C-alpha atoms as a PDB file:
ATOM      1  CA  MET A   1      72.754 -67.608 -14.757  1.00  0.00           C
ATOM      2  CA  ARG A   2      71.208 -64.623 -17.213  1.00  0.00           C
ATOM      3  CA  ASP A   3      69.705 -66.747 -18.710  1.00  0.00           C
ATOM      4  CA  ARG A   4      67.747 -68.896 -16.185  1.00  0.00           C
ATOM      5  CA  PHE A   5      66.667 -65.039 -14.567  1.00  0.00           C
ATOM      6  CA  ASP A   6      65.180 -64.398 -18.188  1.00  0.00           C
ATOM      7  CA  ARG A   7      63.350 -67.877 -18.200  1.00  0.00           C
ATOM      8  CA  VAL A   8      61.905 -67.200 -14.950  1.00  0.00           C
ATOM      9  CA  VAL A   9      60.966 -63.320 -16.007  1.00  0.00           C
ATOM     10  CA  PHE A  10      59.223 -64.667 -18.666  1.00  0.00           C
ATOM     11  CA  ALA A  11      57.644 -67.148 -16.814  1.00  0.00           C
ATOM     12  CA  MET A  12      55.784 -64.966 -14.574  1.00  0.00           C
ATOM     13  CA  TYR A  13      55.105 -62.157 -17.644  1.00  0.00           C
ATOM     14  CA  ARG A  14      53.351 -65.299 -19.478  1.00  0.00           C
ATOM     15  CA  LEU A  15      50.682 -65.069 -16.043  1.00  0.00           C
ATOM     16  CA  LEU A  16      50.268 -61.425 -15.713  1.00  0.00           C
ATOM     17  CA  PRO A  17      46.775 -60.647 -16.821  1.00  0.00           C
ATOM     18  CA  GLU A  18      46.469 -58.278 -20.555  1.00  0.00           C
ATOM     19  CA  GLY A  19      46.201 -54.897 -19.113  1.00  0.00           C
ATOM     20  CA  LEU A  20      48.975 -55.305 -16.153  1.00  0.00           C
ATOM     21  CA  THR A  21      51.253 -56.660 -18.921  1.00  0.00           C
ATOM     22  CA  HIS A  22      50.176 -53.762 -20.880  1.00  0.00           C
ATOM     23  CA  ARG A  23      51.630 -51.993 -18.471  1.00  0.00           C
ATOM     24  CA  VAL A  24      54.782 -53.486 -17.500  1.00  0.00           C
ATOM     25  CA  VAL A  25      55.916 -52.767 -21.144  1.00  0.00           C
ATOM     26  CA  ARG A  26      55.073 -49.249 -21.154  1.00  0.00           C
ATOM     27  CA  THR A  27      56.438 -49.163 -18.110  1.00  0.00           C
ATOM     28  CA  VAL A  28      60.378 -50.601 -18.794  1.00  0.00           C
ATOM     29  CA  MET A  29      60.649 -49.780 -22.198  1.00  0.00           C
ATOM     30  CA  PRO A  30      61.333 -46.299 -24.084  1.00  0.00           C
ATOM     31  CA  SER A  31      58.001 -44.645 -25.245  1.00  0.00           C
ATOM     32  CA  TYR A  32      58.012 -42.305 -28.399  1.00  0.00           C
ATOM     33  CA  THR A  33      56.166 -39.721 -29.761  1.00  0.00           C
ATOM     34  CA  LEU A  34      53.805 -40.459 -33.102  1.00  0.00           C
ATOM     35  CA  GLY A  35      54.140 -37.128 -35.422  1.00  0.00           C
ATOM     36  CA  VAL A  36      52.680 -36.465 -38.600  1.00  0.00           C
ATOM     37  CA  ILE A  37      54.236 -35.204 -41.924  1.00  0.00           C
ATOM     38  CA  PRO A  38      52.114 -34.587 -44.680  1.00  0.00           C
ATOM     39  CA  PHE A  39      53.477 -33.489 -48.282  1.00  0.00           C
ATOM     40  CA  ILE A  40      51.287 -31.494 -49.611  1.00  0.00           C
ATOM     41  CA  THR A  41      50.963 -31.529 -54.104  1.00  0.00           C
ATOM     42  CA  GLY A  42      49.544 -29.121 -56.112  1.00  0.00           C
ATOM     43  CA  GLY A  43      48.099 -30.340 -59.486  1.00  0.00           C
ATOM     44  CA  ASP A  44      51.474 -29.462 -61.120  1.00  0.00           C
ATOM     45  CA  GLY A  45      53.389 -31.884 -58.567  1.00  0.00           C
ATOM     46  CA  ARG A  46      54.840 -28.931 -56.644  1.00  0.00           C
ATOM     47  CA  VAL A  47      54.917 -29.700 -52.897  1.00  0.00           C
ATOM     48  CA  LEU A  48      54.215 -27.150 -50.441  1.00  0.00           C
ATOM     49  CA  LEU A  49      56.588 -26.429 -47.771  1.00  0.00           C
ATOM     50  CA  VAL A  50      56.791 -24.082 -45.131  1.00  0.00           C
ATOM     51  CA  ARG A  51      58.704 -21.832 -42.683  1.00  0.00           C
ATOM     52  CA  GLN A  52      58.679 -22.213 -39.279  1.00  0.00           C
ATOM     53  CA  SER A  53      59.210 -19.369 -36.540  1.00  0.00           C
ATOM     54  CA  TYR A  54      60.966 -21.376 -34.303  1.00  0.00           C
ATOM     55  CA  ARG A  55      64.038 -22.798 -37.598  1.00  0.00           C
ATOM     56  CA  PRO A  56      63.122 -20.087 -39.662  1.00  0.00           C
ATOM     57  CA  ASP A  57      66.734 -20.903 -41.396  1.00  0.00           C
ATOM     58  CA  ARG A  58      65.224 -23.869 -43.824  1.00  0.00           C
ATOM     59  CA  TRP A  59      61.714 -25.213 -45.163  1.00  0.00           C
ATOM     60  CA  GLY A  60      59.713 -27.651 -43.523  1.00  0.00           C
ATOM     61  CA  ALA A  61      56.893 -29.223 -43.905  1.00  0.00           C
ATOM     62  CA  PRO A  62      53.328 -28.372 -42.037  1.00  0.00           C
ATOM     63  CA  GLY A  63      52.911 -31.439 -39.626  1.00  0.00           C
ATOM     64  CA  GLY A  64      52.861 -32.274 -35.710  1.00  0.00           C
ATOM     65  CA  LEU A  65      52.006 -34.130 -33.032  1.00  0.00           C
ATOM     66  CA  CYS A  66      49.546 -36.561 -32.661  1.00  0.00           C
ATOM     67  CA  SER A  67      46.681 -36.178 -29.696  1.00  0.00           C
ATOM     68  CA  ARG A  68      46.434 -38.928 -27.128  1.00  0.00           C
ATOM     69  CA  GLY A  69      44.400 -41.436 -28.963  1.00  0.00           C
ATOM     70  CA  GLU A  70      44.125 -39.486 -32.429  1.00  0.00           C
ATOM     71  CA  HIS A  71      44.821 -41.724 -35.176  1.00  0.00           C
ATOM     72  CA  PRO A  72      47.396 -40.131 -37.470  1.00  0.00           C
ATOM     73  CA  GLY A  73      45.449 -39.198 -40.514  1.00  0.00           C
ATOM     74  CA  GLU A  74      43.330 -37.323 -38.809  1.00  0.00           C
ATOM     75  CA  THR A  75      46.062 -35.496 -37.328  1.00  0.00           C
ATOM     76  CA  THR A  76      47.532 -35.036 -40.892  1.00  0.00           C
ATOM     77  CA  VAL A  77      44.057 -33.509 -42.279  1.00  0.00           C
ATOM     78  CA  ARG A  78      43.988 -31.562 -38.705  1.00  0.00           C
ATOM     79  CA  GLU A  79      47.556 -30.243 -38.838  1.00  0.00           C
ATOM     80  CA  ALA A  80      47.184 -28.905 -42.735  1.00  0.00           C
ATOM     81  CA  ARG A  81      44.145 -27.344 -41.692  1.00  0.00           C
ATOM     82  CA  GLU A  82      45.528 -25.606 -38.813  1.00  0.00           C
ATOM     83  CA  GLU A  83      48.923 -24.225 -40.232  1.00  0.00           C
ATOM     84  CA  VAL A  84      48.049 -23.856 -44.048  1.00  0.00           C
ATOM     85  CA  GLY A  85      44.239 -22.959 -44.289  1.00  0.00           C
ATOM     86  CA  VAL A  86      44.169 -26.053 -46.672  1.00  0.00           C
ATOM     87  CA  ALA A  87      41.639 -29.246 -46.691  1.00  0.00           C
ATOM     88  CA  ILE A  88      43.843 -32.090 -48.232  1.00  0.00           C
ATOM     89  CA  GLU A  89      43.232 -35.982 -48.703  1.00  0.00           C
ATOM     90  CA  ILE A  90      45.838 -38.486 -47.801  1.00  0.00           C
ATOM     91  CA  VAL A  91      46.798 -40.552 -51.224  1.00  0.00           C
ATOM     92  CA  GLY A  92      48.400 -43.787 -51.058  1.00  0.00           C
ATOM     93  CA  GLU A  93      50.007 -45.235 -48.008  1.00  0.00           C
ATOM     94  CA  PRO A  94      52.505 -43.822 -45.170  1.00  0.00           C
ATOM     95  CA  ALA A  95      56.038 -44.633 -44.710  1.00  0.00           C
ATOM     96  CA  ILE A  96      57.699 -44.734 -41.099  1.00  0.00           C
ATOM     97  CA  ALA A  97      60.199 -42.274 -40.045  1.00  0.00           C
ATOM     98  CA  VAL A  98      61.780 -43.360 -37.006  1.00  0.00           C
ATOM     99  CA  ASP A  99      64.226 -41.229 -35.016  1.00  0.00           C
ATOM    100  CA  PRO A 100      65.407 -43.826 -32.133  1.00  0.00           C
ATOM    101  CA  VAL A 101      67.598 -40.715 -31.205  1.00  0.00           C
ATOM    102  CA  ARG A 102      64.773 -38.241 -30.347  1.00  0.00           C
ATOM    103  CA  HIS A 103      62.222 -40.947 -29.355  1.00  0.00           C
ATOM    104  CA  LYS A 104      60.316 -39.842 -32.378  1.00  0.00           C
ATOM    105  CA  VAL A 105      57.977 -41.693 -34.873  1.00  0.00           C
ATOM    106  CA  GLN A 106      56.673 -39.918 -37.935  1.00  0.00           C
ATOM    107  CA  PHE A 107      53.706 -41.219 -39.852  1.00  0.00           C
ATOM    108  CA  VAL A 108      55.099 -39.652 -43.485  1.00  0.00           C
ATOM    109  CA  THR A 109      52.282 -39.328 -46.041  1.00  0.00           C
ATOM    110  CA  ARG A 110      51.940 -37.875 -49.446  1.00  0.00           C
ATOM    111  CA  CYS A 111      48.721 -35.965 -49.717  1.00  0.00           C
ATOM    112  CA  ARG A 112      46.587 -33.524 -52.246  1.00  0.00           C
ATOM    113  CA  LEU A 113      44.757 -30.387 -52.060  1.00  0.00           C
ATOM    114  CA  ALA A 114      40.779 -31.814 -51.683  1.00  0.00           C
ATOM    115  CA  ASP A 115      38.560 -30.490 -54.638  1.00  0.00           C
ATOM    116  CA  GLY A 116      38.465 -27.085 -54.537  1.00  0.00           C
ATOM    117  CA  VAL A 117      41.238 -26.082 -53.116  1.00  0.00           C
ATOM    118  CA  GLY A 118      44.008 -24.151 -55.236  1.00  0.00           C
ATOM    119  CA  PRO A 119      47.802 -23.921 -54.367  1.00  0.00           C
ATOM    120  CA  GLU A 120      47.009 -19.898 -53.604  1.00  0.00           C
ATOM    121  CA  ASP A 121      44.380 -20.936 -50.705  1.00  0.00           C
ATOM    122  CA  ALA A 122      47.462 -22.449 -48.851  1.00  0.00           C
ATOM    123  CA  THR A 123      48.766 -19.242 -46.669  1.00  0.00           C
ATOM    124  CA  PRO A 124      50.636 -19.088 -42.791  1.00  0.00           C
ATOM    125  CA  SER A 125      47.180 -19.887 -40.518  1.00  0.00           C
ATOM    126  CA  SER A 126      49.291 -20.583 -37.543  1.00  0.00           C
ATOM    127  CA  SER A 127      51.467 -18.104 -35.578  1.00  0.00           C
ATOM    128  CA  GLU A 128      54.608 -20.628 -36.002  1.00  0.00           C
ATOM    129  CA  ILE A 129      54.637 -20.864 -39.709  1.00  0.00           C
ATOM    130  CA  VAL A 130      55.939 -17.735 -41.302  1.00  0.00           C
ATOM    131  CA  GLU A 131      55.993 -18.531 -45.059  1.00  0.00           C
ATOM    132  CA  VAL A 132      54.710 -20.995 -47.127  1.00  0.00           C
ATOM    133  CA  GLY A 133      56.128 -22.319 -51.008  1.00  0.00           C
ATOM    134  CA  TRP A 134      55.016 -24.471 -53.676  1.00  0.00           C
ATOM    135  CA  PHE A 135      58.552 -26.350 -54.791  1.00  0.00           C
ATOM    136  CA  ALA A 136      59.272 -28.787 -57.241  1.00  0.00           C
ATOM    137  CA  PRO A 137      61.072 -31.716 -55.860  1.00  0.00           C
ATOM    138  CA  GLU A 138      64.325 -31.294 -58.237  1.00  0.00           C
ATOM    139  CA  GLU A 139      64.171 -27.435 -56.443  1.00  0.00           C
ATOM    140  CA  PHE A 140      63.763 -28.081 -52.803  1.00  0.00           C
ATOM    141  CA  PRO A 141      65.908 -25.278 -50.964  1.00  0.00           C
ATOM    142  CA  ALA A 142      67.731 -26.804 -47.619  1.00  0.00           C
ATOM    143  CA  LEU A 143      64.768 -28.538 -45.487  1.00  0.00           C
ATOM    144  CA  LEU A 144      65.033 -29.445 -42.072  1.00  0.00           C
ATOM    145  CA  SER A 145      66.906 -32.439 -41.256  1.00  0.00           C
ATOM    146  CA  ASP A 146      63.505 -34.640 -40.133  1.00  0.00           C
ATOM    147  CA  VAL A 147      61.473 -33.124 -43.318  1.00  0.00           C
ATOM    148  CA  GLU A 148      64.680 -34.518 -45.476  1.00  0.00           C
ATOM    149  CA  GLY A 149      64.643 -38.112 -43.886  1.00  0.00           C
ATOM    150  CA  ALA A 150      60.810 -37.713 -44.265  1.00  0.00           C
ATOM    151  CA  TRP A 151      60.651 -37.006 -47.364  1.00  0.00           C
ATOM    152  CA  SER A 152      63.443 -39.792 -48.265  1.00  0.00           C
ATOM    153  CA  ALA A 153      61.709 -41.968 -46.605  1.00  0.00           C
ATOM    154  CA  LEU A 154      58.557 -41.374 -48.680  1.00  0.00           C
ATOM    155  CA  ARG A 155      60.132 -41.809 -52.467  1.00  0.00           C
ATOM    156  CA  ALA A 156      61.521 -45.195 -50.661  1.00  0.00           C
ATOM    157  CA  ALA A 157      58.464 -46.623 -50.030  1.00  0.00           C
ATOM    158  CA  GLU A 158      56.602 -45.608 -53.150  1.00  0.00           C
ATOM    159  CA  ARG A 159      59.420 -46.447 -55.316  1.00  0.00           C
ATOM    160  CA  SER A 160      59.326 -50.336 -53.768  1.00  0.00           C
ATOM    161  CA  ARG A 161      55.799 -50.737 -53.807  1.00  0.00           C
ATOM    162  CA  PRO A 162      54.560 -53.156 -56.716  1.00  0.00           C
ATOM    163  CA  LEU A 163      52.069 -51.331 -59.535  1.00  0.00           C
END
């Protein structure tokens, strides 16, 4: 009985105009937020980490949520500028980290400081950032769980890419 019902529903769905099918999917499927986590490296390979005012017990990375219609690459550059006051460039392809419980998809990138920008230029530039620090990956302090997962996803993606 269920199989027959599904076939009828899919047959009706096929007849809908494309714009309406998009609305139907958006209505019945869970929605996710899209965020960015850039791992910004200095010339010495150290990674910029931040402590946030609302989660000061562990370290994180600059980043945040994409605005409606904003490309994740644009969000990455904007968040670095807003939170730690530096211009950055995205290096390589992103990794994707999905949190199905929180309905969040993270666009995780490795970034470098833009030409003419040094590690000393990174300072808390937002009320949400209370401290910045540069750490070698093997010496990371305790990380927020989502940032730890994002770092693992980025490292796994980098290892799996052909040279």
